[in-house]
Amino acid sequence: MRTTLAIKGAPELILAKAVELGVARSRSDAIRMGILSLNKEYGLIKDLEMELVAKKIEQEKAEMKAKGQRYLTEEEAMRPYKHLFKK
């Protein structure tokens, strides 16, 4: 997601100071850090990693559906490696 912000006043000074002191590499990084701190303080998203994985899976499903693709079954995926599992 791309967003453009106009930041003035106290937030502008805080961002500049965070970059100046090396707390953040850029103003954009400082804003990202602030967003993550907001989540940490208020628990907006409990399991961030699981939410990210779920979002990625949904995107992948939509892309595959649009292209008429499907997931391979376990048998289909393992077929090229069958010779490795012979006893």
N, C-alpha and C. Protein backbone atom coordinates (compact mmCIF):
# COMPACT_ATOMS: atom_id res chain seq x y z
N MET A 1 0.84 -1.16 0.00
CA MET A 1 0.00 0.00 0.00
C MET A 1 0.89 1.23 0.00
N ARG A 2 0.57 2.16 -0.85
CA ARG A 2 1.32 3.40 -0.93
C ARG A 2 0.43 4.53 -0.44
N THR A 3 0.94 5.33 0.49
CA THR A 3 0.19 6.44 1.05
C THR A 3 1.09 7.66 1.11
N THR A 4 0.53 8.81 0.79
CA THR A 4 1.27 10.06 0.91
C THR A 4 0.71 10.84 2.09
N LEU A 5 1.61 11.30 2.95
CA LEU A 5 1.20 12.05 4.14
C LEU A 5 1.85 13.42 4.15
N ALA A 6 1.10 14.39 4.62
CA ALA A 6 1.66 15.72 4.88
C ALA A 6 1.78 15.83 6.40
N ILE A 7 3.00 15.88 6.89
CA ILE A 7 3.23 15.90 8.34
C ILE A 7 3.90 17.22 8.70
N LYS A 8 3.26 17.93 9.63
CA LYS A 8 3.79 19.23 10.06
C LYS A 8 3.73 19.34 11.58
N GLY A 9 4.44 20.28 12.10
CA GLY A 9 4.40 20.54 13.54
C GLY A 9 5.21 19.52 14.33
N ALA A 10 4.68 19.15 15.50
CA ALA A 10 5.38 18.25 16.42
C ALA A 10 5.74 16.91 15.77
N PRO A 11 4.81 16.26 15.05
CA PRO A 11 5.20 14.99 14.42
C PRO A 11 6.38 15.14 13.46
N GLU A 12 6.44 16.24 12.75
CA GLU A 12 7.54 16.50 11.82
C GLU A 12 8.87 16.60 12.58
N LEU A 13 8.85 17.30 13.71
CA LEU A 13 10.07 17.44 14.53
C LEU A 13 10.50 16.09 15.10
N ILE A 14 9.53 15.30 15.54
CA ILE A 14 9.84 13.99 16.11
C ILE A 14 10.45 13.08 15.06
N LEU A 15 9.89 13.08 13.86
CA LEU A 15 10.44 12.26 12.78
C LEU A 15 11.87 12.67 12.45
N ALA A 16 12.10 13.98 12.35
CA ALA A 16 13.44 14.48 12.03
C ALA A 16 14.44 14.08 13.11
N LYS A 17 14.03 14.16 14.38
CA LYS A 17 14.92 13.82 15.49
C LYS A 17 15.22 12.32 15.50
N ALA A 18 14.22 11.49 15.18
CA ALA A 18 14.43 10.04 15.14
C ALA A 18 15.47 9.68 14.08
N VAL A 19 15.42 10.36 12.96
CA VAL A 19 16.39 10.12 11.89
C VAL A 19 17.76 10.67 12.29
N GLU A 20 17.78 11.87 12.83
CA GLU A 20 19.03 12.52 13.23
C GLU A 20 19.78 11.68 14.26
N LEU A 21 19.07 11.10 15.22
CA LEU A 21 19.70 10.31 16.28
C LEU A 21 19.98 8.87 15.85
N GLY A 22 19.54 8.51 14.66
CA GLY A 22 19.79 7.16 14.17
C GLY A 22 18.81 6.12 14.70
N VAL A 23 17.74 6.57 15.31
CA VAL A 23 16.71 5.64 15.78
C VAL A 23 16.04 4.98 14.58
N ALA A 24 15.87 5.76 13.52
CA ALA A 24 15.29 5.27 12.28
C ALA A 24 16.18 5.73 11.12
N ARG A 25 16.22 4.94 10.04
CA ARG A 25 17.04 5.31 8.89
C ARG A 25 16.42 6.44 8.08
N SER A 26 15.09 6.52 8.12
CA SER A 26 14.39 7.53 7.34
C SER A 26 13.09 7.89 8.05
N ARG A 27 12.46 8.94 7.58
CA ARG A 27 11.16 9.32 8.15
C ARG A 27 10.14 8.22 7.90
N SER A 28 10.23 7.60 6.73
CA SER A 28 9.30 6.49 6.43
C SER A 28 9.49 5.34 7.41
N ASP A 29 10.74 5.01 7.71
CA ASP A 29 11.01 3.95 8.68
C ASP A 29 10.48 4.34 10.06
N ALA A 30 10.64 5.58 10.44
CA ALA A 30 10.14 6.04 11.74
C ALA A 30 8.62 5.90 11.81
N ILE A 31 7.94 6.21 10.72
CA ILE A 31 6.48 6.06 10.68
C ILE A 31 6.10 4.58 10.80
N ARG A 32 6.81 3.70 10.08
CA ARG A 32 6.56 2.26 10.18
C ARG A 32 6.77 1.78 11.61
N MET A 33 7.83 2.25 12.25
CA MET A 33 8.10 1.87 13.64
C MET A 33 6.97 2.32 14.55
N GLY A 34 6.46 3.51 14.29
CA GLY A 34 5.34 4.03 15.09
C GLY A 34 4.09 3.18 14.92
N ILE A 35 3.83 2.73 13.71
CA ILE A 35 2.66 1.89 13.46
C ILE A 35 2.80 0.56 14.21
N LEU A 36 3.99 -0.04 14.16
CA LEU A 36 4.21 -1.30 14.87
C LEU A 36 4.10 -1.10 16.39
N SER A 37 4.57 0.03 16.88
CA SER A 37 4.44 0.33 18.31
C SER A 37 2.98 0.50 18.71
N LEU A 38 2.19 1.10 17.83
CA LEU A 38 0.75 1.27 18.05
C LEU A 38 0.09 -0.10 18.20
N ASN A 39 0.46 -1.02 17.33
CA ASN A 39 -0.11 -2.37 17.42
C ASN A 39 0.34 -3.05 18.71
N LYS A 40 1.60 -2.88 19.05
CA LYS A 40 2.13 -3.52 20.26
C LYS A 40 1.42 -2.99 21.51
N GLU A 41 1.20 -1.70 21.57
CA GLU A 41 0.58 -1.09 22.74
C GLU A 41 -0.90 -1.43 22.88
N TYR A 42 -1.62 -1.46 21.77
CA TYR A 42 -3.07 -1.66 21.83
C TYR A 42 -3.52 -3.05 21.40
N GLY A 43 -2.61 -3.89 20.97
CA GLY A 43 -2.96 -5.25 20.58
C GLY A 43 -3.99 -5.30 19.47
N LEU A 44 -3.83 -4.45 18.46
CA LEU A 44 -4.81 -4.37 17.37
C LEU A 44 -4.87 -5.67 16.58
N ILE A 45 -3.72 -6.25 16.32
CA ILE A 45 -3.65 -7.55 15.64
C ILE A 45 -2.87 -8.47 16.57
N LYS A 46 -3.54 -9.49 17.09
CA LYS A 46 -2.95 -10.36 18.11
C LYS A 46 -1.79 -11.18 17.58
N ASP A 47 -1.99 -11.88 16.47
CA ASP A 47 -0.94 -12.74 15.91
C ASP A 47 -0.61 -12.21 14.52
N LEU A 48 0.29 -11.26 14.46
CA LEU A 48 0.62 -10.57 13.22
C LEU A 48 1.12 -11.53 12.15
N GLU A 49 1.97 -12.46 12.52
CA GLU A 49 2.52 -13.40 11.54
C GLU A 49 1.42 -14.24 10.90
N MET A 50 0.48 -14.74 11.71
CA MET A 50 -0.63 -15.54 11.18
C MET A 50 -1.51 -14.70 10.25
N GLU A 51 -1.75 -13.45 10.59
CA GLU A 51 -2.55 -12.56 9.74
C GLU A 51 -1.87 -12.34 8.40
N LEU A 52 -0.55 -12.16 8.43
CA LEU A 52 0.19 -11.95 7.18
C LEU A 52 0.16 -13.20 6.30
N VAL A 53 0.30 -14.36 6.92
CA VAL A 53 0.26 -15.62 6.17
C VAL A 53 -1.12 -15.82 5.56
N ALA A 54 -2.17 -15.58 6.34
CA ALA A 54 -3.53 -15.74 5.84
C ALA A 54 -3.80 -14.80 4.66
N LYS A 55 -3.33 -13.56 4.77
CA LYS A 55 -3.51 -12.59 3.69
C LYS A 55 -2.79 -13.05 2.42
N LYS A 56 -1.57 -13.56 2.57
CA LYS A 56 -0.80 -14.03 1.43
C LYS A 56 -1.47 -15.23 0.76
N ILE A 57 -1.99 -16.15 1.57
CA ILE A 57 -2.68 -17.32 1.02
C ILE A 57 -3.91 -16.90 0.23
N GLU A 58 -4.68 -15.96 0.76
CA GLU A 58 -5.87 -15.48 0.06
C GLU A 58 -5.50 -14.81 -1.26
N GLN A 59 -4.42 -14.04 -1.27
CA GLN A 59 -3.96 -13.41 -2.51
C GLN A 59 -3.55 -14.47 -3.53
N GLU A 60 -2.83 -15.48 -3.05
CA GLU A 60 -2.38 -16.56 -3.93
C GLU A 60 -3.57 -17.32 -4.51
N LYS A 61 -4.57 -17.62 -3.68
CA LYS A 61 -5.76 -18.32 -4.16
C LYS A 61 -6.47 -17.50 -5.24
N ALA A 62 -6.60 -16.20 -5.02
CA ALA A 62 -7.27 -15.34 -5.99
C ALA A 62 -6.50 -15.31 -7.31
N GLU A 63 -5.18 -15.21 -7.24
CA GLU A 63 -4.35 -15.20 -8.44
C GLU A 63 -4.46 -16.52 -9.19
N MET A 64 -4.42 -17.62 -8.45
CA MET A 64 -4.52 -18.93 -9.09
C MET A 64 -5.89 -19.12 -9.73
N LYS A 65 -6.94 -18.66 -9.07
CA LYS A 65 -8.29 -18.77 -9.62
C LYS A 65 -8.39 -17.95 -10.91
N ALA A 66 -7.84 -16.76 -10.91
CA ALA A 66 -7.89 -15.89 -12.09
C ALA A 66 -7.15 -16.51 -13.27
N LYS A 67 -6.09 -17.28 -12.97
CA LYS A 67 -5.29 -17.91 -14.02
C LYS A 67 -5.75 -19.33 -14.34
N GLY A 68 -6.78 -19.81 -13.63
CA GLY A 68 -7.26 -21.17 -13.84
C GLY A 68 -6.29 -22.22 -13.36
N GLN A 69 -5.50 -21.91 -12.35
CA GLN A 69 -4.52 -22.85 -11.81
C GLN A 69 -5.06 -23.51 -10.56
N ARG A 70 -4.38 -24.58 -10.14
CA ARG A 70 -4.76 -25.27 -8.90
C ARG A 70 -3.48 -25.76 -8.22
N TYR A 71 -3.63 -26.08 -6.94
CA TYR A 71 -2.50 -26.65 -6.20
C TYR A 71 -2.28 -28.09 -6.65
N LEU A 72 -1.04 -28.54 -6.62
CA LEU A 72 -0.72 -29.93 -6.90
C LEU A 72 -1.11 -30.79 -5.71
N THR A 73 -1.54 -32.02 -6.00
CA THR A 73 -1.74 -32.96 -4.90
C THR A 73 -0.36 -33.41 -4.43
N GLU A 74 -0.32 -34.05 -3.28
CA GLU A 74 0.96 -34.55 -2.77
C GLU A 74 1.58 -35.53 -3.77
N GLU A 75 0.75 -36.40 -4.33
CA GLU A 75 1.25 -37.39 -5.30
C GLU A 75 1.83 -36.71 -6.53
N GLU A 76 1.17 -35.69 -7.05
CA GLU A 76 1.66 -34.96 -8.22
C GLU A 76 2.98 -34.26 -7.93
N ALA A 77 3.07 -33.69 -6.75
CA ALA A 77 4.29 -32.96 -6.37
C ALA A 77 5.47 -33.89 -6.19
N MET A 78 5.22 -35.11 -5.68
CA MET A 78 6.30 -36.04 -5.37
C MET A 78 6.68 -36.93 -6.55
N ARG A 79 5.85 -37.00 -7.59
CA ARG A 79 6.09 -37.89 -8.73
C ARG A 79 7.50 -37.76 -9.31
N PRO A 80 8.03 -36.55 -9.53
CA PRO A 80 9.38 -36.46 -10.11
C PRO A 80 10.48 -37.01 -9.18
N TYR A 81 10.17 -37.19 -7.92
CA TYR A 81 11.17 -37.63 -6.94
C TYR A 81 10.94 -39.06 -6.47
N LYS A 82 10.04 -39.76 -7.14
CA LYS A 82 9.66 -41.11 -6.74
C LYS A 82 10.87 -42.04 -6.63
N HIS A 83 11.80 -41.89 -7.55
CA HIS A 83 13.00 -42.76 -7.55
C HIS A 83 13.84 -42.61 -6.27
N LEU A 84 13.73 -41.51 -5.60
CA LEU A 84 14.50 -41.27 -4.39
C LEU A 84 13.95 -42.04 -3.20
N PHE A 85 12.69 -42.47 -3.29
CA PHE A 85 12.02 -43.12 -2.17
C PHE A 85 11.88 -44.63 -2.34
N LYS A 86 12.46 -45.19 -3.41
CA LYS A 86 12.38 -46.64 -3.62
C LYS A 86 13.19 -47.35 -2.55
N LYS A 87 12.64 -48.47 -2.11
CA LYS A 87 13.32 -49.25 -1.07
C LYS A 87 14.21 -50.30 -1.64
